[in-house]
Amino acid sequence: MKNLNILYAFLGGAIVGCAAAMLFAPEKGEDMRSRIASIIRKKGIKISDSEVDQLVSELAGTIEK
Protein backbone atom coordinates (compact mmCIF):
# COMPACT_ATOMS: atom_id res chain seq x y z
CA MET A 1 0.00 0.00 0.00
CA LYS A 2 2.86 2.37 0.79
CA ASN A 3 4.40 1.80 -2.64
CA LEU A 4 1.08 2.58 -4.28
CA ASN A 5 0.88 5.91 -2.42
CA ILE A 6 4.39 6.78 -3.60
CA LEU A 7 3.39 5.95 -7.17
CA TYR A 8 0.28 8.16 -6.92
CA ALA A 9 2.35 11.01 -5.50
CA PHE A 10 4.87 10.67 -8.32
CA LEU A 11 2.18 10.60 -11.01
CA GLY A 12 0.40 13.58 -9.47
CA GLY A 13 3.64 15.54 -9.39
CA ALA A 14 4.38 14.62 -12.97
CA ILE A 15 0.95 15.84 -14.11
CA VAL A 16 1.29 19.14 -12.24
CA GLY A 17 4.82 19.55 -13.61
CA CYS A 18 3.68 18.99 -17.17
CA ALA A 19 0.84 21.44 -16.73
CA ALA A 20 3.21 24.05 -15.29
CA ALA A 21 5.68 23.54 -18.12
CA MET A 22 2.94 23.96 -20.70
CA LEU A 23 1.54 27.08 -19.04
CA PHE A 24 4.90 28.79 -18.57
CA ALA A 25 6.32 27.84 -21.95
CA PRO A 26 7.22 30.79 -24.18
CA GLU A 27 4.32 30.15 -26.54
CA LYS A 28 1.30 32.33 -27.20
CA GLY A 29 -1.67 31.51 -24.99
CA GLU A 30 -3.98 31.00 -27.93
CA ASP A 31 -1.59 28.49 -29.51
CA MET A 32 -1.20 26.65 -26.21
CA ARG A 33 -4.95 26.46 -25.64
CA SER A 34 -5.52 25.01 -29.11
CA ARG A 35 -2.71 22.51 -28.49
CA ILE A 36 -4.26 21.45 -25.18
CA ALA A 37 -7.67 21.12 -26.84
CA SER A 38 -6.30 18.96 -29.65
CA ILE A 39 -4.51 16.66 -27.18
CA ILE A 40 -7.69 16.27 -25.13
CA ARG A 41 -9.81 15.67 -28.24
CA LYS A 42 -7.39 13.00 -29.49
CA LYS A 43 -8.05 11.16 -26.23
CA GLY A 44 -11.75 11.06 -27.15
CA ILE A 45 -12.91 13.75 -24.72
CA LYS A 46 -15.32 16.27 -26.20
CA ILE A 47 -14.47 19.76 -24.95
CA SER A 48 -15.36 23.24 -26.16
CA ASP A 49 -12.99 26.17 -26.47
CA SER A 50 -14.57 27.88 -23.47
CA GLU A 51 -14.07 24.73 -21.39
CA VAL A 52 -10.40 24.67 -22.39
CA ASP A 53 -10.08 28.31 -21.31
CA GLN A 54 -11.68 27.44 -17.97
CA LEU A 55 -9.36 24.44 -17.53
CA VAL A 56 -6.29 26.56 -18.25
CA SER A 57 -7.49 29.20 -15.77
CA GLU A 58 -8.00 26.56 -13.07
CA LEU A 59 -4.57 25.05 -13.69
CA ALA A 60 -2.92 28.47 -13.63
CA GLY A 61 -4.68 29.28 -10.36
CA THR A 62 -3.53 26.00 -8.83
CA ILE A 63 0.07 26.59 -9.86
CA GLU A 64 0.18 30.19 -8.63
CA LYS A 65 -1.01 29.30 -5.11
PDB file of N, CA and C in Angstrom:
ATOM      1  N   MET A   1       0.825  -1.189   0.000  1.00  0.00           N
ATOM      2  CA  MET A   1       0.000   0.000   0.000  1.00  0.00           C
ATOM      3  C   MET A   1       0.871   1.256   0.000  1.00  0.00           C
ATOM      4  N   LYS A   2       1.973   1.219   0.726  1.00  0.00           N
ATOM      5  CA  LYS A   2       2.860   2.371   0.789  1.00  0.00           C
ATOM      6  C   LYS A   2       3.471   2.668  -0.580  1.00  0.00           C
ATOM      7  N   ASN A   3       3.837   1.611  -1.300  1.00  0.00           N
ATOM      8  CA  ASN A   3       4.402   1.799  -2.643  1.00  0.00           C
ATOM      9  C   ASN A   3       3.389   2.408  -3.600  1.00  0.00           C
ATOM     10  N   LEU A   4       2.138   2.041  -3.435  1.00  0.00           N
ATOM     11  CA  LEU A   4       1.076   2.581  -4.277  1.00  0.00           C
ATOM     12  C   LEU A   4       0.895   4.079  -4.016  1.00  0.00           C
ATOM     13  N   ASN A   5       0.983   4.492  -2.752  1.00  0.00           N
ATOM     14  CA  ASN A   5       0.881   5.911  -2.419  1.00  0.00           C
ATOM     15  C   ASN A   5       2.045   6.691  -3.013  1.00  0.00           C
ATOM     16  N   ILE A   6       3.216   6.128  -3.003  1.00  0.00           N
ATOM     17  CA  ILE A   6       4.386   6.777  -3.599  1.00  0.00           C
ATOM     18  C   ILE A   6       4.194   6.921  -5.101  1.00  0.00           C
ATOM     19  N   LEU A   7       3.655   5.901  -5.737  1.00  0.00           N
ATOM     20  CA  LEU A   7       3.387   5.950  -7.168  1.00  0.00           C
ATOM     21  C   LEU A   7       2.373   7.037  -7.489  1.00  0.00           C
ATOM     22  N   TYR A   8       1.295   7.113  -6.707  1.00  0.00           N
ATOM     23  CA  TYR A   8       0.284   8.156  -6.923  1.00  0.00           C
ATOM     24  C   TYR A   8       0.879   9.547  -6.736  1.00  0.00           C
ATOM     25  N   ALA A   9       1.711   9.713  -5.732  1.00  0.00           N
ATOM     26  CA  ALA A   9       2.349  11.012  -5.496  1.00  0.00           C
ATOM     27  C   ALA A   9       3.253  11.381  -6.668  1.00  0.00           C
ATOM     28  N   PHE A  10       3.991  10.425  -7.176  1.00  0.00           N
ATOM     29  CA  PHE A  10       4.872  10.669  -8.320  1.00  0.00           C
ATOM     30  C   PHE A  10       4.069  11.049  -9.557  1.00  0.00           C
ATOM     31  N   LEU A  11       3.014  10.306  -9.836  1.00  0.00           N
ATOM     32  CA  LEU A  11       2.183  10.601 -11.006  1.00  0.00           C
ATOM     33  C   LEU A  11       1.497  11.954 -10.873  1.00  0.00           C
ATOM     34  N   GLY A  12       1.014  12.276  -9.692  1.00  0.00           N
ATOM     35  CA  GLY A  12       0.396  13.577  -9.468  1.00  0.00           C
ATOM     36  C   GLY A  12       1.390  14.707  -9.686  1.00  0.00           C
ATOM     37  N   GLY A  13       2.597  14.534  -9.186  1.00  0.00           N
ATOM     38  CA  GLY A  13       3.644  15.536  -9.386  1.00  0.00           C
ATOM     39  C   GLY A  13       4.012  15.674 -10.848  1.00  0.00           C
ATOM     40  N   ALA A  14       4.050  14.569 -11.552  1.00  0.00           N
ATOM     41  CA  ALA A  14       4.379  14.616 -12.973  1.00  0.00           C
ATOM     42  C   ALA A  14       3.304  15.366 -13.764  1.00  0.00           C
ATOM     43  N   ILE A  15       2.047  15.146 -13.414  1.00  0.00           N
ATOM     44  CA  ILE A  15       0.952  15.837 -14.107  1.00  0.00           C
ATOM     45  C   ILE A  15       1.011  17.333 -13.838  1.00  0.00           C
ATOM     46  N   VAL A  16       1.208  17.712 -12.581  1.00  0.00           N
ATOM     47  CA  VAL A  16       1.293  19.136 -12.242  1.00  0.00           C
ATOM     48  C   VAL A  16       2.519  19.757 -12.907  1.00  0.00           C
ATOM     49  N   GLY A  17       3.617  19.042 -12.944  1.00  0.00           N
ATOM     50  CA  GLY A  17       4.825  19.546 -13.606  1.00  0.00           C
ATOM     51  C   GLY A  17       4.622  19.758 -15.090  1.00  0.00           C
ATOM     52  N   CYS A  18       3.958  18.833 -15.729  1.00  0.00           N
ATOM     53  CA  CYS A  18       3.677  18.989 -17.167  1.00  0.00           C
ATOM     54  C   CYS A  18       2.754  20.173 -17.416  1.00  0.00           C
ATOM     55  N   ALA A  19       1.752  20.316 -16.566  1.00  0.00           N
ATOM     56  CA  ALA A  19       0.836  21.444 -16.725  1.00  0.00           C
ATOM     57  C   ALA A  19       1.573  22.764 -16.531  1.00  0.00           C
ATOM     58  N   ALA A  20       2.446  22.828 -15.533  1.00  0.00           N
ATOM     59  CA  ALA A  20       3.214  24.054 -15.294  1.00  0.00           C
ATOM     60  C   ALA A  20       4.139  24.348 -16.465  1.00  0.00           C
ATOM     61  N   ALA A  21       4.779  23.337 -16.989  1.00  0.00           N
ATOM     62  CA  ALA A  21       5.678  23.541 -18.123  1.00  0.00           C
ATOM     63  C   ALA A  21       4.914  24.048 -19.343  1.00  0.00           C
ATOM     64  N   MET A  22       3.735  23.515 -19.558  1.00  0.00           N
ATOM     65  CA  MET A  22       2.942  23.959 -20.702  1.00  0.00           C
ATOM     66  C   MET A  22       2.456  25.395 -20.516  1.00  0.00           C
ATOM     67  N   LEU A  23       2.077  25.735 -19.291  1.00  0.00           N
ATOM     68  CA  LEU A  23       1.545  27.077 -19.043  1.00  0.00           C
ATOM     69  C   LEU A  23       2.624  28.150 -19.051  1.00  0.00           C
ATOM     70  N   PHE A  24       3.825  27.806 -18.644  1.00  0.00           N
ATOM     71  CA  PHE A  24       4.901  28.790 -18.571  1.00  0.00           C
ATOM     72  C   PHE A  24       5.834  28.749 -19.777  1.00  0.00           C
ATOM     73  N   ALA A  25       5.514  27.925 -20.741  1.00  0.00           N
ATOM     74  CA  ALA A  25       6.324  27.838 -21.955  1.00  0.00           C
ATOM     75  C   ALA A  25       6.207  29.148 -22.742  1.00  0.00           C
ATOM     76  N   PRO A  26       7.254  29.522 -23.437  1.00  0.00           N
ATOM     77  CA  PRO A  26       7.216  30.789 -24.182  1.00  0.00           C
ATOM     78  C   PRO A  26       6.435  30.668 -25.495  1.00  0.00           C
ATOM     79  N   GLU A  27       5.196  30.310 -25.374  1.00  0.00           N
ATOM     80  CA  GLU A  27       4.323  30.155 -26.538  1.00  0.00           C
ATOM     81  C   GLU A  27       3.079  30.994 -26.305  1.00  0.00           C
ATOM     82  N   LYS A  28       2.503  31.520 -27.354  1.00  0.00           N
ATOM     83  CA  LYS A  28       1.301  32.335 -27.203  1.00  0.00           C
ATOM     84  C   LYS A  28       0.192  31.516 -26.549  1.00  0.00           C
ATOM     85  N   GLY A  29      -0.592  32.188 -25.710  1.00  0.00           N
ATOM     86  CA  GLY A  29      -1.674  31.514 -24.991  1.00  0.00           C
ATOM     87  C   GLY A  29      -2.685  30.864 -25.908  1.00  0.00           C
ATOM     88  N   GLU A  30      -3.000  31.540 -26.982  1.00  0.00           N
ATOM     89  CA  GLU A  30      -3.978  31.003 -27.932  1.00  0.00           C
ATOM     90  C   GLU A  30      -3.461  29.711 -28.565  1.00  0.00           C
ATOM     91  N   ASP A  31      -2.190  29.693 -28.922  1.00  0.00           N
ATOM     92  CA  ASP A  31      -1.594  28.489 -29.510  1.00  0.00           C
ATOM     93  C   ASP A  31      -1.576  27.341 -28.502  1.00  0.00           C
ATOM     94  N   MET A  32      -1.255  27.680 -27.237  1.00  0.00           N
ATOM     95  CA  MET A  32      -1.198  26.650 -26.206  1.00  0.00           C
ATOM     96  C   MET A  32      -2.587  26.085 -25.924  1.00  0.00           C
ATOM     97  N   ARG A  33      -3.590  26.935 -25.888  1.00  0.00           N
ATOM     98  CA  ARG A  33      -4.949  26.459 -25.644  1.00  0.00           C
ATOM     99  C   ARG A  33      -5.420  25.528 -26.764  1.00  0.00           C
ATOM    100  N   SER A  34      -5.106  25.876 -28.000  1.00  0.00           N
ATOM    101  CA  SER A  34      -5.516  25.008 -29.107  1.00  0.00           C
ATOM    102  C   SER A  34      -4.752  23.690 -29.069  1.00  0.00           C
ATOM    103  N   ARG A  35      -3.507  23.745 -28.624  1.00  0.00           N
ATOM    104  CA  ARG A  35      -2.713  22.513 -28.493  1.00  0.00           C
ATOM    105  C   ARG A  35      -3.287  21.610 -27.397  1.00  0.00           C
ATOM    106  N   ILE A  36      -3.653  22.215 -26.261  1.00  0.00           N
ATOM    107  CA  ILE A  36      -4.257  21.446 -25.177  1.00  0.00           C
ATOM    108  C   ILE A  36      -5.571  20.827 -25.648  1.00  0.00           C
ATOM    109  N   ALA A  37      -6.381  21.617 -26.339  1.00  0.00           N
ATOM    110  CA  ALA A  37      -7.668  21.117 -26.837  1.00  0.00           C
ATOM    111  C   ALA A  37      -7.477  19.954 -27.794  1.00  0.00           C
ATOM    112  N   SER A  38      -6.504  20.050 -28.689  1.00  0.00           N
ATOM    113  CA  SER A  38      -6.303  18.962 -29.649  1.00  0.00           C
ATOM    114  C   SER A  38      -5.819  17.690 -28.954  1.00  0.00           C
ATOM    115  N   ILE A  39      -4.979  17.836 -27.928  1.00  0.00           N
ATOM    116  CA  ILE A  39      -4.511  16.655 -27.183  1.00  0.00           C
ATOM    117  C   ILE A  39      -5.686  15.990 -26.477  1.00  0.00           C
ATOM    118  N   ILE A  40      -6.533  16.813 -25.844  1.00  0.00           N
ATOM    119  CA  ILE A  40      -7.689  16.273 -25.127  1.00  0.00           C
ATOM    120  C   ILE A  40      -8.661  15.614 -26.108  1.00  0.00           C
ATOM    121  N   ARG A  41      -8.886  16.235 -27.245  1.00  0.00           N
ATOM    122  CA  ARG A  41      -9.812  15.668 -28.241  1.00  0.00           C
ATOM    123  C   ARG A  41      -9.288  14.372 -28.833  1.00  0.00           C
ATOM    124  N   LYS A  42      -7.969  14.252 -28.982  1.00  0.00           N
ATOM    125  CA  LYS A  42      -7.392  12.996 -29.487  1.00  0.00           C
ATOM    126  C   LYS A  42      -7.638  11.853 -28.520  1.00  0.00           C
ATOM    127  N   LYS A  43      -7.782  12.180 -27.236  1.00  0.00           N
ATOM    128  CA  LYS A  43      -8.052  11.155 -26.229  1.00  0.00           C
ATOM    129  C   LYS A  43      -9.526  10.764 -26.202  1.00  0.00           C
ATOM    130  N   GLY A  44     -10.340  11.416 -27.048  1.00  0.00           N
ATOM    131  CA  GLY A  44     -11.746  11.063 -27.147  1.00  0.00           C
ATOM    132  C   GLY A  44     -12.652  11.861 -26.229  1.00  0.00           C
ATOM    133  N   ILE A  45     -12.112  12.922 -25.616  1.00  0.00           N
ATOM    134  CA  ILE A  45     -12.907  13.752 -24.720  1.00  0.00           C
ATOM    135  C   ILE A  45     -13.421  14.942 -25.508  1.00  0.00           C
ATOM    136  N   LYS A  46     -14.728  15.134 -25.493  1.00  0.00           N
ATOM    137  CA  LYS A  46     -15.317  16.275 -26.198  1.00  0.00           C
ATOM    138  C   LYS A  46     -15.257  17.481 -25.277  1.00  0.00           C
ATOM    139  N   ILE A  47     -14.638  18.570 -25.767  1.00  0.00           N
ATOM    140  CA  ILE A  47     -14.469  19.763 -24.954  1.00  0.00           C
ATOM    141  C   ILE A  47     -14.550  20.986 -25.861  1.00  0.00           C
ATOM    142  N   SER A  48     -15.226  22.013 -25.372  1.00  0.00           N
ATOM    143  CA  SER A  48     -15.363  23.244 -26.163  1.00  0.00           C
ATOM    144  C   SER A  48     -14.197  24.182 -25.855  1.00  0.00           C
ATOM    145  N   ASP A  49     -14.066  25.200 -26.673  1.00  0.00           N
ATOM    146  CA  ASP A  49     -12.989  26.168 -26.467  1.00  0.00           C
ATOM    147  C   ASP A  49     -13.141  26.890 -25.132  1.00  0.00           C
ATOM    148  N   SER A  50     -14.364  27.197 -24.753  1.00  0.00           N
ATOM    149  CA  SER A  50     -14.575  27.879 -23.468  1.00  0.00           C
ATOM    150  C   SER A  50     -14.213  26.970 -22.297  1.00  0.00           C
ATOM    151  N   GLU A  51     -14.459  25.670 -22.443  1.00  0.00           N
ATOM    152  CA  GLU A  51     -14.073  24.726 -21.389  1.00  0.00           C
ATOM    153  C   GLU A  51     -12.557  24.597 -21.293  1.00  0.00           C
ATOM    154  N   VAL A  52     -11.866  24.691 -22.412  1.00  0.00           N
ATOM    155  CA  VAL A  52     -10.404  24.673 -22.392  1.00  0.00           C
ATOM    156  C   VAL A  52      -9.887  25.923 -21.685  1.00  0.00           C
ATOM    157  N   ASP A  53     -10.486  27.074 -21.986  1.00  0.00           N
ATOM    158  CA  ASP A  53     -10.084  28.308 -21.313  1.00  0.00           C
ATOM    159  C   ASP A  53     -10.282  28.199 -19.806  1.00  0.00           C
ATOM    160  N   GLN A  54     -11.402  27.612 -19.400  1.00  0.00           N
ATOM    161  CA  GLN A  54     -11.683  27.444 -17.974  1.00  0.00           C
ATOM    162  C   GLN A  54     -10.675  26.481 -17.346  1.00  0.00           C
ATOM    163  N   LEU A  55     -10.343  25.403 -18.033  1.00  0.00           N
ATOM    164  CA  LEU A  55      -9.363  24.438 -17.533  1.00  0.00           C
ATOM    165  C   LEU A  55      -8.000  25.094 -17.355  1.00  0.00           C
ATOM    166  N   VAL A  56      -7.583  25.878 -18.331  1.00  0.00           N
ATOM    167  CA  VAL A  56      -6.294  26.563 -18.249  1.00  0.00           C
ATOM    168  C   VAL A  56      -6.292  27.534 -17.078  1.00  0.00           C
ATOM    169  N   SER A  57      -7.390  28.253 -16.880  1.00  0.00           N
ATOM    170  CA  SER A  57      -7.486  29.203 -15.769  1.00  0.00           C
ATOM    171  C   SER A  57      -7.386  28.484 -14.427  1.00  0.00           C
ATOM    172  N   GLU A  58      -8.053  27.345 -14.316  1.00  0.00           N
ATOM    173  CA  GLU A  58      -8.005  26.556 -13.070  1.00  0.00           C
ATOM    174  C   GLU A  58      -6.591  26.045 -12.820  1.00  0.00           C
ATOM    175  N   LEU A  59      -5.939  25.550 -13.864  1.00  0.00           N
ATOM    176  CA  LEU A  59      -4.574  25.054 -13.694  1.00  0.00           C
ATOM    177  C   LEU A  59      -3.620  26.178 -13.314  1.00  0.00           C
ATOM    178  N   ALA A  60      -3.781  27.325 -13.942  1.00  0.00           N
ATOM    179  CA  ALA A  60      -2.922  28.468 -13.630  1.00  0.00           C
ATOM    180  C   ALA A  60      -3.148  28.910 -12.186  1.00  0.00           C
ATOM    181  N   GLY A  61      -4.383  28.912 -11.735  1.00  0.00           N
ATOM    182  CA  GLY A  61      -4.682  29.284 -10.357  1.00  0.00           C
ATOM    183  C   GLY A  61      -4.096  28.307  -9.369  1.00  0.00           C
ATOM    184  N   THR A  62      -4.099  27.028  -9.697  1.00  0.00           N
ATOM    185  CA  THR A  62      -3.533  25.998  -8.828  1.00  0.00           C
ATOM    186  C   THR A  62      -2.020  26.155  -8.733  1.00  0.00           C
ATOM    187  N   ILE A  63      -1.387  26.478  -9.829  1.00  0.00           N
ATOM    188  CA  ILE A  63       0.073  26.591  -9.862  1.00  0.00           C
ATOM    189  C   ILE A  63       0.537  27.848  -9.123  1.00  0.00           C
ATOM    190  N   GLU A  64      -0.221  28.936  -9.245  1.00  0.00           N
ATOM    191  CA  GLU A  64       0.181  30.189  -8.630  1.00  0.00           C
ATOM    192  C   GLU A  64       0.059  30.171  -7.124  1.00  0.00           C
ATOM    193  N   LYS A  65      -0.794  29.335  -6.565  1.00  0.00           N
ATOM    194  CA  LYS A  65      -1.008  29.303  -5.106  1.00  0.00           C
ATOM    195  C   LYS A  65       0.142  28.703  -4.383  1.00  0.00           C
TER     196      LYS A  65
END
